[in-house]
Amino acid sequence: MTEFKRIPPEQAQALREQGAVVVDVRDPQTFAASHIAGATHLDNHSLHNFITQADLDKPVVVVCYHGNSSQSAAAYLVGQGFSDVYSLDGGFELWKTIYPAETATASAE
């Protein structure tokens, strides 16, 4: 894959169940309040470590608020050598309406 794919929450959930890495690019406070269970928060401070330690061939699902910022982040990850990258259409806002039981807070994990 040379580009990322935009996917709906149902496909993201299927990938997640198969071991995909979920990364959340929202601000730290919003991420701490609620996020997809098991997601990793990515920001300018953690991005370098994530890239250097990641399996570039493992599927990565990028999540933001509504599915816009995640597209830029997904394109960036593809440019960094990741081969299987997805952007969650509708973002976390749509995810939590479909999968409320699959959300967590930072203190709950």
PDB file of N, CA and C in Angstrom:
ATOM      1  N   MET A   1       0.857  -1.174   0.000  1.00  0.00           N
ATOM      2  CA  MET A   1       0.000   0.000   0.000  1.00  0.00           C
ATOM      3  C   MET A   1       0.904   1.239   0.000  1.00  0.00           C
ATOM      4  N   THR A   2       0.665   2.138  -0.922  1.00  0.00           N
ATOM      5  CA  THR A   2       1.466   3.353  -0.964  1.00  0.00           C
ATOM      6  C   THR A   2       0.707   4.533  -0.378  1.00  0.00           C
ATOM      7  N   GLU A   3      -0.576   4.371  -0.161  1.00  0.00           N
ATOM      8  CA  GLU A   3      -1.391   5.416   0.441  1.00  0.00           C
ATOM      9  C   GLU A   3      -2.230   4.791   1.550  1.00  0.00           C
ATOM     10  N   PHE A   4      -2.739   5.638   2.423  1.00  0.00           N
ATOM     11  CA  PHE A   4      -3.622   5.139   3.470  1.00  0.00           C
ATOM     12  C   PHE A   4      -5.025   4.964   2.897  1.00  0.00           C
ATOM     13  N   LYS A   5      -5.846   4.211   3.620  1.00  0.00           N
ATOM     14  CA  LYS A   5      -7.249   4.014   3.242  1.00  0.00           C
ATOM     15  C   LYS A   5      -8.140   4.598   4.318  1.00  0.00           C
ATOM     16  N   ARG A   6      -9.236   5.203   3.900  1.00  0.00           N
ATOM     17  CA  ARG A   6     -10.247   5.685   4.852  1.00  0.00           C
ATOM     18  C   ARG A   6     -11.224   4.535   5.089  1.00  0.00           C
ATOM     19  N   ILE A   7     -11.497   4.247   6.361  1.00  0.00           N
ATOM     20  CA  ILE A   7     -12.362   3.108   6.687  1.00  0.00           C
ATOM     21  C   ILE A   7     -13.414   3.503   7.722  1.00  0.00           C
ATOM     22  N   PRO A   8     -14.559   2.814   7.704  1.00  0.00           N
ATOM     23  CA  PRO A   8     -15.597   3.066   8.708  1.00  0.00           C
ATOM     24  C   PRO A   8     -15.248   2.365  10.027  1.00  0.00           C
ATOM     25  N   PRO A   9     -15.925   2.736  11.108  1.00  0.00           N
ATOM     26  CA  PRO A   9     -15.648   2.121  12.408  1.00  0.00           C
ATOM     27  C   PRO A   9     -15.734   0.587  12.399  1.00  0.00           C
ATOM     28  N   GLU A  10     -16.671   0.029  11.645  1.00  0.00           N
ATOM     29  CA  GLU A  10     -16.826  -1.430  11.623  1.00  0.00           C
ATOM     30  C   GLU A  10     -15.563  -2.106  11.097  1.00  0.00           C
ATOM     31  N   GLN A  11     -14.973  -1.551  10.051  1.00  0.00           N
ATOM     32  CA  GLN A  11     -13.738  -2.123   9.511  1.00  0.00           C
ATOM     33  C   GLN A  11     -12.572  -1.893  10.468  1.00  0.00           C
ATOM     34  N   ALA A  12     -12.558  -0.737  11.118  1.00  0.00           N
ATOM     35  CA  ALA A  12     -11.505  -0.466  12.108  1.00  0.00           C
ATOM     36  C   ALA A  12     -11.588  -1.456  13.264  1.00  0.00           C
ATOM     37  N   GLN A  13     -12.795  -1.765  13.690  1.00  0.00           N
ATOM     38  CA  GLN A  13     -12.972  -2.725  14.775  1.00  0.00           C
ATOM     39  C   GLN A  13     -12.474  -4.109  14.354  1.00  0.00           C
ATOM     40  N   ALA A  14     -12.772  -4.499  13.120  1.00  0.00           N
ATOM     41  CA  ALA A  14     -12.301  -5.802  12.622  1.00  0.00           C
ATOM     42  C   ALA A  14     -10.771  -5.837  12.593  1.00  0.00           C
ATOM     43  N   LEU A  15     -10.150  -4.781  12.133  1.00  0.00           N
ATOM     44  CA  LEU A  15      -8.684  -4.712  12.112  1.00  0.00           C
ATOM     45  C   LEU A  15      -8.126  -4.746  13.534  1.00  0.00           C
ATOM     46  N   ARG A  16      -8.773  -4.038  14.425  1.00  0.00           N
ATOM     47  CA  ARG A  16      -8.356  -3.998  15.832  1.00  0.00           C
ATOM     48  C   ARG A  16      -8.399  -5.403  16.435  1.00  0.00           C
ATOM     49  N   GLU A  17      -9.451  -6.138  16.125  1.00  0.00           N
ATOM     50  CA  GLU A  17      -9.577  -7.509  16.636  1.00  0.00           C
ATOM     51  C   GLU A  17      -8.495  -8.423  16.064  1.00  0.00           C
ATOM     52  N   GLN A  18      -7.945  -8.049  14.915  1.00  0.00           N
ATOM     53  CA  GLN A  18      -6.879  -8.837  14.283  1.00  0.00           C
ATOM     54  C   GLN A  18      -5.490  -8.355  14.694  1.00  0.00           C
ATOM     55  N   GLY A  19      -5.430  -7.408  15.628  1.00  0.00           N
ATOM     56  CA  GLY A  19      -4.148  -6.976  16.159  1.00  0.00           C
ATOM     57  C   GLY A  19      -3.602  -5.677  15.613  1.00  0.00           C
ATOM     58  N   ALA A  20      -4.393  -4.918  14.874  1.00  0.00           N
ATOM     59  CA  ALA A  20      -3.920  -3.624  14.368  1.00  0.00           C
ATOM     60  C   ALA A  20      -3.607  -2.684  15.528  1.00  0.00           C
ATOM     61  N   VAL A  21      -2.664  -1.797  15.313  1.00  0.00           N
ATOM     62  CA  VAL A  21      -2.318  -0.772  16.282  1.00  0.00           C
ATOM     63  C   VAL A  21      -3.255   0.415  16.054  1.00  0.00           C
ATOM     64  N   VAL A  22      -3.864   0.907  17.114  1.00  0.00           N
ATOM     65  CA  VAL A  22      -4.730   2.083  17.020  1.00  0.00           C
ATOM     66  C   VAL A  22      -3.984   3.247  17.641  1.00  0.00           C
ATOM     67  N   VAL A  23      -3.814   4.328  16.866  1.00  0.00           N
ATOM     68  CA  VAL A  23      -3.156   5.527  17.383  1.00  0.00           C
ATOM     69  C   VAL A  23      -4.133   6.688  17.331  1.00  0.00           C
ATOM     70  N   ASP A  24      -4.126   7.477  18.381  1.00  0.00           N
ATOM     71  CA  ASP A  24      -5.058   8.590  18.542  1.00  0.00           C
ATOM     72  C   ASP A  24      -4.258   9.888  18.521  1.00  0.00           C
ATOM     73  N   VAL A  25      -4.606  10.802  17.605  1.00  0.00           N
ATOM     74  CA  VAL A  25      -3.843  12.038  17.452  1.00  0.00           C
ATOM     75  C   VAL A  25      -4.555  13.261  18.037  1.00  0.00           C
ATOM     76  N   ARG A  26      -5.592  13.015  18.847  1.00  0.00           N
ATOM     77  CA  ARG A  26      -6.276  14.136  19.506  1.00  0.00           C
ATOM     78  C   ARG A  26      -5.397  14.688  20.630  1.00  0.00           C
ATOM     79  N   ASP A  27      -5.797  15.806  21.196  1.00  0.00           N
ATOM     80  CA  ASP A  27      -4.980  16.416  22.247  1.00  0.00           C
ATOM     81  C   ASP A  27      -4.958  15.516  23.492  1.00  0.00           C
ATOM     82  N   PRO A  28      -3.902  15.638  24.324  1.00  0.00           N
ATOM     83  CA  PRO A  28      -3.728  14.740  25.472  1.00  0.00           C
ATOM     84  C   PRO A  28      -4.894  14.733  26.451  1.00  0.00           C
ATOM     85  N   GLN A  29      -5.488  15.895  26.714  1.00  0.00           N
ATOM     86  CA  GLN A  29      -6.582  15.954  27.681  1.00  0.00           C
ATOM     87  C   GLN A  29      -7.814  15.206  27.163  1.00  0.00           C
ATOM     88  N   THR A  30      -8.110  15.370  25.893  1.00  0.00           N
ATOM     89  CA  THR A  30      -9.263  14.685  25.300  1.00  0.00           C
ATOM     90  C   THR A  30      -9.021  13.182  25.260  1.00  0.00           C
ATOM     91  N   PHE A  31      -7.798  12.790  24.897  1.00  0.00           N
ATOM     92  CA  PHE A  31      -7.444  11.375  24.883  1.00  0.00           C
ATOM     93  C   PHE A  31      -7.599  10.777  26.277  1.00  0.00           C
ATOM     94  N   ALA A  32      -7.114  11.482  27.289  1.00  0.00           N
ATOM     95  CA  ALA A  32      -7.197  10.991  28.672  1.00  0.00           C
ATOM     96  C   ALA A  32      -8.641  10.831  29.115  1.00  0.00           C
ATOM     97  N   ALA A  33      -9.509  11.724  28.651  1.00  0.00           N
ATOM     98  CA  ALA A  33     -10.918  11.671  29.052  1.00  0.00           C
ATOM     99  C   ALA A  33     -11.611  10.445  28.486  1.00  0.00           C
ATOM    100  N   SER A  34     -11.309  10.089  27.233  1.00  0.00           N
ATOM    101  CA  SER A  34     -11.935   8.922  26.610  1.00  0.00           C
ATOM    102  C   SER A  34     -11.273   8.643  25.264  1.00  0.00           C
ATOM    103  N   HIS A  35     -11.040   7.361  24.994  1.00  0.00           N
ATOM    104  CA  HIS A  35     -10.421   6.940  23.739  1.00  0.00           C
ATOM    105  C   HIS A  35     -10.760   5.484  23.463  1.00  0.00           C
ATOM    106  N   ILE A  36     -10.419   5.020  22.278  1.00  0.00           N
ATOM    107  CA  ILE A  36     -10.629   3.614  21.938  1.00  0.00           C
ATOM    108  C   ILE A  36      -9.736   2.779  22.851  1.00  0.00           C
ATOM    109  N   ALA A  37     -10.316   1.781  23.475  1.00  0.00           N
ATOM    110  CA  ALA A  37      -9.571   0.928  24.403  1.00  0.00           C
ATOM    111  C   ALA A  37      -8.327   0.367  23.717  1.00  0.00           C
ATOM    112  N   GLY A  38      -7.187   0.513  24.380  1.00  0.00           N
ATOM    113  CA  GLY A  38      -5.928  -0.004  23.856  1.00  0.00           C
ATOM    114  C   GLY A  38      -5.206   0.931  22.905  1.00  0.00           C
ATOM    115  N   ALA A  39      -5.796   2.081  22.607  1.00  0.00           N
ATOM    116  CA  ALA A  39      -5.166   3.022  21.678  1.00  0.00           C
ATOM    117  C   ALA A  39      -3.928   3.664  22.307  1.00  0.00           C
ATOM    118  N   THR A  40      -3.004   4.048  21.451  1.00  0.00           N
ATOM    119  CA  THR A  40      -1.806   4.765  21.845  1.00  0.00           C
ATOM    120  C   THR A  40      -1.968   6.227  21.471  1.00  0.00           C
ATOM    121  N   HIS A  41      -1.665   7.121  22.396  1.00  0.00           N
ATOM    122  CA  HIS A  41      -1.743   8.550  22.081  1.00  0.00           C
ATOM    123  C   HIS A  41      -0.464   8.962  21.355  1.00  0.00           C
ATOM    124  N   LEU A  42      -0.623   9.632  20.225  1.00  0.00           N
ATOM    125  CA  LEU A  42       0.523  10.136  19.472  1.00  0.00           C
ATOM    126  C   LEU A  42       0.460  11.646  19.410  1.00  0.00           C
ATOM    127  N   ASP A  43       1.579  12.286  19.719  1.00  0.00           N
ATOM    128  CA  ASP A  43       1.706  13.727  19.540  1.00  0.00           C
ATOM    129  C   ASP A  43       3.135  13.994  19.086  1.00  0.00           C
ATOM    130  N   ASN A  44       3.501  15.240  18.971  1.00  0.00           N
ATOM    131  CA  ASN A  44       4.838  15.582  18.482  1.00  0.00           C
ATOM    132  C   ASN A  44       5.940  15.018  19.368  1.00  0.00           C
ATOM    133  N   HIS A  45       5.649  14.804  20.653  1.00  0.00           N
ATOM    134  CA  HIS A  45       6.657  14.298  21.576  1.00  0.00           C
ATOM    135  C   HIS A  45       6.832  12.786  21.484  1.00  0.00           C
ATOM    136  N   SER A  46       5.767  12.058  21.209  1.00  0.00           N
ATOM    137  CA  SER A  46       5.842  10.591  21.199  1.00  0.00           C
ATOM    138  C   SER A  46       5.987  10.004  19.798  1.00  0.00           C
ATOM    139  N   LEU A  47       5.826  10.815  18.778  1.00  0.00           N
ATOM    140  CA  LEU A  47       5.821  10.322  17.400  1.00  0.00           C
ATOM    141  C   LEU A  47       7.125   9.640  17.005  1.00  0.00           C
ATOM    142  N   HIS A  48       8.260  10.256  17.315  1.00  0.00           N
ATOM    143  CA  HIS A  48       9.550   9.692  16.917  1.00  0.00           C
ATOM    144  C   HIS A  48       9.753   8.297  17.522  1.00  0.00           C
ATOM    145  N   ASN A  49       9.499   8.153  18.819  1.00  0.00           N
ATOM    146  CA  ASN A  49       9.655   6.844  19.459  1.00  0.00           C
ATOM    147  C   ASN A  49       8.706   5.819  18.862  1.00  0.00           C
ATOM    148  N   PHE A  50       7.471   6.248  18.588  1.00  0.00           N
ATOM    149  CA  PHE A  50       6.514   5.321  17.990  1.00  0.00           C
ATOM    150  C   PHE A  50       7.036   4.807  16.654  1.00  0.00           C
ATOM    151  N   ILE A  51       7.516   5.711  15.818  1.00  0.00           N
ATOM    152  CA  ILE A  51       7.988   5.320  14.481  1.00  0.00           C
ATOM    153  C   ILE A  51       9.205   4.409  14.579  1.00  0.00           C
ATOM    154  N   THR A  52      10.147   4.731  15.454  1.00  0.00           N
ATOM    155  CA  THR A  52      11.372   3.933  15.529  1.00  0.00           C
ATOM    156  C   THR A  52      11.143   2.558  16.158  1.00  0.00           C
ATOM    157  N   GLN A  53      10.092   2.423  16.966  1.00  0.00           N
ATOM    158  CA  GLN A  53       9.850   1.149  17.653  1.00  0.00           C
ATOM    159  C   GLN A  53       8.757   0.309  17.014  1.00  0.00           C
ATOM    160  N   ALA A  54       8.070   0.838  16.020  1.00  0.00           N
ATOM    161  CA  ALA A  54       6.908   0.153  15.457  1.00  0.00           C
ATOM    162  C   ALA A  54       7.308  -0.883  14.413  1.00  0.00           C
ATOM    163  N   ASP A  55       6.432  -1.854  14.239  1.00  0.00           N
ATOM    164  CA  ASP A  55       6.516  -2.809  13.136  1.00  0.00           C
ATOM    165  C   ASP A  55       5.862  -2.109  11.944  1.00  0.00           C
ATOM    166  N   LEU A  56       6.648  -1.711  10.965  1.00  0.00           N
ATOM    167  CA  LEU A  56       6.142  -0.913   9.844  1.00  0.00           C
ATOM    168  C   LEU A  56       5.134  -1.657   8.973  1.00  0.00           C
ATOM    169  N   ASP A  57       5.086  -2.980   9.102  1.00  0.00           N
ATOM    170  CA  ASP A  57       4.156  -3.771   8.293  1.00  0.00           C
ATOM    171  C   ASP A  57       2.872  -4.133   9.031  1.00  0.00           C
ATOM    172  N   LYS A  58       2.791  -3.785  10.309  1.00  0.00           N
ATOM    173  CA  LYS A  58       1.587  -4.075  11.084  1.00  0.00           C
ATOM    174  C   LYS A  58       0.534  -3.011  10.772  1.00  0.00           C
ATOM    175  N   PRO A  59      -0.727  -3.398  10.610  1.00  0.00           N
ATOM    176  CA  PRO A  59      -1.765  -2.400  10.319  1.00  0.00           C
ATOM    177  C   PRO A  59      -1.865  -1.348  11.418  1.00  0.00           C
ATOM    178  N   VAL A  60      -2.038  -0.085  11.001  1.00  0.00           N
ATOM    179  CA  VAL A  60      -2.176   1.038  11.922  1.00  0.00           C
ATOM    180  C   VAL A  60      -3.456   1.781  11.560  1.00  0.00           C
ATOM    181  N   VAL A  61      -4.317   1.989  12.565  1.00  0.00           N
ATOM    182  CA  VAL A  61      -5.540   2.767  12.385  1.00  0.00           C
ATOM    183  C   VAL A  61      -5.350   4.087  13.124  1.00  0.00           C
ATOM    184  N   VAL A  62      -5.459   5.202  12.384  1.00  0.00           N
ATOM    185  CA  VAL A  62      -5.270   6.532  12.965  1.00  0.00           C
ATOM    186  C   VAL A  62      -6.633   7.144  13.259  1.00  0.00           C
ATOM    187  N   VAL A  63      -6.774   7.681  14.481  1.00  0.00           N
ATOM    188  CA  VAL A  63      -8.039   8.223  14.964  1.00  0.00           C
ATOM    189  C   VAL A  63      -7.847   9.678  15.382  1.00  0.00           C
ATOM    190  N   CYS A  64      -8.827  10.523  15.050  1.00  0.00           N
ATOM    191  CA  CYS A  64      -8.850  11.901  15.545  1.00  0.00           C
ATOM    192  C   CYS A  64     -10.275  12.194  16.015  1.00  0.00           C
ATOM    193  N   TYR A  65     -10.676  13.433  16.021  1.00  0.00           N
ATOM    194  CA  TYR A  65     -12.016  13.797  16.487  1.00  0.00           C
ATOM    195  C   TYR A  65     -13.109  13.327  15.521  1.00  0.00           C
ATOM    196  N   HIS A  66     -13.009  13.775  14.254  1.00  0.00           N
ATOM    197  CA  HIS A  66     -14.076  13.517  13.286  1.00  0.00           C
ATOM    198  C   HIS A  66     -13.592  12.855  11.995  1.00  0.00           C
ATOM    199  N   GLY A  67     -12.319  12.538  11.890  1.00  0.00           N
ATOM    200  CA  GLY A  67     -11.815  11.858  10.702  1.00  0.00           C
ATOM    201  C   GLY A  67     -11.085  12.751   9.720  1.00  0.00           C
ATOM    202  N   ASN A  68     -10.775  13.987  10.108  1.00  0.00           N
ATOM    203  CA  ASN A  68     -10.063  14.893   9.208  1.00  0.00           C
ATOM    204  C   ASN A  68      -8.558  14.920   9.497  1.00  0.00           C
ATOM    205  N   SER A  69      -8.184  15.229  10.724  1.00  0.00           N
ATOM    206  CA  SER A  69      -6.763  15.286  11.090  1.00  0.00           C
ATOM    207  C   SER A  69      -6.090  13.926  10.938  1.00  0.00           C
ATOM    208  N   SER A  70      -6.841  12.871  11.142  1.00  0.00           N
ATOM    209  CA  SER A  70      -6.258  11.533  11.027  1.00  0.00           C
ATOM    210  C   SER A  70      -5.777  11.247   9.612  1.00  0.00           C
ATOM    211  N   GLN A  71      -6.379  11.890   8.619  1.00  0.00           N
ATOM    212  CA  GLN A  71      -5.940  11.670   7.245  1.00  0.00           C
ATOM    213  C   GLN A  71      -4.524  12.218   7.031  1.00  0.00           C
ATOM    214  N   SER A  72      -4.254  13.395   7.570  1.00  0.00           N
ATOM    215  CA  SER A  72      -2.905  13.970   7.459  1.00  0.00           C
ATOM    216  C   SER A  72      -1.897  13.103   8.208  1.00  0.00           C
ATOM    217  N   ALA A  73      -2.275  12.664   9.403  1.00  0.00           N
ATOM    218  CA  ALA A  73      -1.378  11.821  10.197  1.00  0.00           C
ATOM    219  C   ALA A  73      -1.137  10.481   9.501  1.00  0.00           C
ATOM    220  N   ALA A  74      -2.173   9.901   8.914  1.00  0.00           N
ATOM    221  CA  ALA A  74      -2.032   8.637   8.203  1.00  0.00           C
ATOM    222  C   ALA A  74      -1.098   8.799   7.004  1.00  0.00           C
ATOM    223  N   ALA A  75      -1.262   9.883   6.258  1.00  0.00           N
ATOM    224  CA  ALA A  75      -0.388  10.139   5.111  1.00  0.00           C
ATOM    225  C   ALA A  75       1.065  10.289   5.572  1.00  0.00           C
ATOM    226  N   TYR A  76       1.275  10.950   6.708  1.00  0.00           N
ATOM    227  CA  TYR A  76       2.618  11.112   7.258  1.00  0.00           C
ATOM    228  C   TYR A  76       3.237   9.755   7.591  1.00  0.00           C
ATOM    229  N   LEU A  77       2.450   8.876   8.234  1.00  0.00           N
ATOM    230  CA  LEU A  77       2.966   7.551   8.597  1.00  0.00           C
ATOM    231  C   LEU A  77       3.325   6.743   7.363  1.00  0.00           C
ATOM    232  N   VAL A  78       2.523   6.844   6.315  1.00  0.00           N
ATOM    233  CA  VAL A  78       2.859   6.166   5.055  1.00  0.00           C
ATOM    234  C   VAL A  78       4.209   6.687   4.555  1.00  0.00           C
ATOM    235  N   GLY A  79       4.389   8.005   4.622  1.00  0.00           N
ATOM    236  CA  GLY A  79       5.650   8.611   4.196  1.00  0.00           C
ATOM    237  C   GLY A  79       6.842   8.189   5.041  1.00  0.00           C
ATOM    238  N   GLN A  80       6.582   7.733   6.261  1.00  0.00           N
ATOM    239  CA  GLN A  80       7.639   7.268   7.157  1.00  0.00           C
ATOM    240  C   GLN A  80       7.926   5.774   6.991  1.00  0.00           C
ATOM    241  N   GLY A  81       7.248   5.124   6.050  1.00  0.00           N
ATOM    242  CA  GLY A  81       7.542   3.723   5.761  1.00  0.00           C
ATOM    243  C   GLY A  81       6.510   2.724   6.223  1.00  0.00           C
ATOM    244  N   PHE A  82       5.439   3.167   6.869  1.00  0.00           N
ATOM    245  CA  PHE A  82       4.385   2.237   7.274  1.00  0.00           C
ATOM    246  C   PHE A  82       3.662   1.763   6.015  1.00  0.00           C
ATOM    247  N   SER A  83       3.370   0.478   5.949  1.00  0.00           N
ATOM    248  CA  SER A  83       2.826  -0.079   4.705  1.00  0.00           C
ATOM    249  C   SER A  83       1.325  -0.331   4.732  1.00  0.00           C
ATOM    250  N   ASP A  84       0.707  -0.293   5.908  1.00  0.00           N
ATOM    251  CA  ASP A  84      -0.703  -0.677   6.023  1.00  0.00           C
ATOM    252  C   ASP A  84      -1.398   0.295   6.982  1.00  0.00           C
ATOM    253  N   VAL A  85      -1.780   1.468   6.464  1.00  0.00           N
ATOM    254  CA  VAL A  85      -2.277   2.558   7.311  1.00  0.00           C
ATOM    255  C   VAL A  85      -3.708   2.918   6.932  1.00  0.00           C
ATOM    256  N   TYR A  86      -4.520   3.170   7.962  1.00  0.00           N
ATOM    257  CA  TYR A  86      -5.935   3.491   7.782  1.00  0.00           C
ATOM    258  C   TYR A  86      -6.297   4.728   8.594  1.00  0.00           C
ATOM    259  N   SER A  87      -7.227   5.513   8.059  1.00  0.00           N
ATOM    260  CA  SER A  87      -7.781   6.660   8.771  1.00  0.00           C
ATOM    261  C   SER A  87      -9.234   6.338   9.099  1.00  0.00           C
ATOM    262  N   LEU A  88      -9.613   6.525  10.358  1.00  0.00           N
ATOM    263  CA  LEU A  88     -10.972   6.206  10.798  1.00  0.00           C
ATOM    264  C   LEU A  88     -11.934   7.310  10.372  1.00  0.00           C
ATOM    265  N   ASP A  89     -12.803   6.999   9.412  1.00  0.00           N
ATOM    266  CA  ASP A  89     -13.833   7.949   8.996  1.00  0.00           C
ATOM    267  C   ASP A  89     -14.797   8.198  10.147  1.00  0.00           C
ATOM    268  N   GLY A  90     -15.133   9.444  10.386  1.00  0.00           N
ATOM    269  CA  GLY A  90     -16.028   9.799  11.476  1.00  0.00           C
ATOM    270  C   GLY A  90     -15.311   9.982  12.795  1.00  0.00           C
ATOM    271  N   GLY A  91     -14.060   9.544  12.870  1.00  0.00           N
ATOM    272  CA  GLY A  91     -13.237   9.727  14.051  1.00  0.00           C
ATOM    273  C   GLY A  91     -13.809   9.094  15.312  1.00  0.00           C
ATOM    274  N   PHE A  92     -13.246   9.518  16.434  1.00  0.00           N
ATOM    275  CA  PHE A  92     -13.661   8.979  17.727  1.00  0.00           C
ATOM    276  C   PHE A  92     -15.125   9.289  18.019  1.00  0.00           C
ATOM    277  N   GLU A  93     -15.608  10.429  17.542  1.00  0.00           N
ATOM    278  CA  GLU A  93     -17.001  10.807  17.808  1.00  0.00           C
ATOM    279  C   GLU A  93     -17.966   9.761  17.250  1.00  0.00           C
ATOM    280  N   LEU A  94     -17.722   9.276  16.040  1.00  0.00           N
ATOM    281  CA  LEU A  94     -18.579   8.242  15.471  1.00  0.00           C
ATOM    282  C   LEU A  94     -18.312   6.899  16.149  1.00  0.00           C
ATOM    283  N   TRP A  95     -17.038   6.601  16.410  1.00  0.00           N
ATOM    284  CA  TRP A  95     -16.676   5.338  17.057  1.00  0.00           C
ATOM    285  C   TRP A  95     -17.450   5.142  18.364  1.00  0.00           C
ATOM    286  N   LYS A  96     -17.455   6.175  19.223  1.00  0.00           N
ATOM    287  CA  LYS A  96     -18.054   6.005  20.553  1.00  0.00           C
ATOM    288  C   LYS A  96     -19.566   5.820  20.481  1.00  0.00           C
ATOM    289  N   THR A  97     -20.221   6.264  19.395  1.00  0.00           N
ATOM    290  CA  THR A  97     -21.654   6.025  19.273  1.00  0.00           C
ATOM    291  C   THR A  97     -21.935   4.590  18.832  1.00  0.00           C
ATOM    292  N   ILE A  98     -21.006   3.998  18.083  1.00  0.00           N
ATOM    293  CA  ILE A  98     -21.193   2.627  17.599  1.00  0.00           C
ATOM    294  C   ILE A  98     -20.649   1.605  18.596  1.00  0.00           C
ATOM    295  N   TYR A  99     -19.515   1.908  19.219  1.00  0.00           N
ATOM    296  CA  TYR A  99     -18.848   0.976  20.141  1.00  0.00           C
ATOM    297  C   TYR A  99     -18.613   1.611  21.519  1.00  0.00           C
ATOM    298  N   PRO A 100     -19.665   2.003  22.214  1.00  0.00           N
ATOM    299  CA  PRO A 100     -19.447   2.653  23.518  1.00  0.00           C
ATOM    300  C   PRO A 100     -18.730   1.757  24.521  1.00  0.00           C
ATOM    301  N   ALA A 101     -18.890   0.460  24.409  1.00  0.00           N
ATOM    302  CA  ALA A 101     -18.227  -0.452  25.342  1.00  0.00           C
ATOM    303  C   ALA A 101     -16.730  -0.617  25.023  1.00  0.00           C
ATOM    304  N   GLU A 102     -16.309  -0.132  23.864  1.00  0.00           N
ATOM    305  CA  GLU A 102     -14.903  -0.281  23.450  1.00  0.00           C
ATOM    306  C   GLU A 102     -14.141   1.028  23.640  1.00  0.00           C
ATOM    307  N   THR A 103     -14.593   1.853  24.579  1.00  0.00           N
ATOM    308  CA  THR A 103     -13.874   3.087  24.888  1.00  0.00           C
ATOM    309  C   THR A 103     -13.318   2.978  26.310  1.00  0.00           C
ATOM    310  N   ALA A 104     -12.307   3.772  26.583  1.00  0.00           N
ATOM    311  CA  ALA A 104     -11.665   3.726  27.891  1.00  0.00           C
ATOM    312  C   ALA A 104     -11.206   5.125  28.275  1.00  0.00           C
ATOM    313  N   THR A 105     -10.880   5.287  29.542  1.00  0.00           N
ATOM    314  CA  THR A 105     -10.245   6.515  30.000  1.00  0.00           C
ATOM    315  C   THR A 105      -8.818   6.151  30.390  1.00  0.00           C
ATOM    316  N   ALA A 106      -7.957   7.129  30.485  1.00  0.00           N
ATOM    317  CA  ALA A 106      -6.561   6.859  30.809  1.00  0.00           C
ATOM    318  C   ALA A 106      -6.443   6.159  32.163  1.00  0.00           C
ATOM    319  N   SER A 107      -7.289   6.499  33.103  1.00  0.00           N
ATOM    320  CA  SER A 107      -7.198   5.895  34.422  1.00  0.00           C
ATOM    321  C   SER A 107      -7.767   4.482  34.456  1.00  0.00           C
ATOM    322  N   ALA A 108      -8.570   4.131  33.444  1.00  0.00           N
ATOM    323  CA  ALA A 108      -9.199   2.803  33.439  1.00  0.00           C
ATOM    324  C   ALA A 108      -8.328   1.736  32.784  1.00  0.00           C
ATOM    325  N   GLU A 109      -7.273   2.131  32.126  1.00  0.00           N
ATOM    326  CA  GLU A 109      -6.435   1.138  31.448  1.00  0.00           C
ATOM    327  C   GLU A 109      -5.277   0.700  32.295  1.00  0.00           C
TER     328      GLU A 109
END
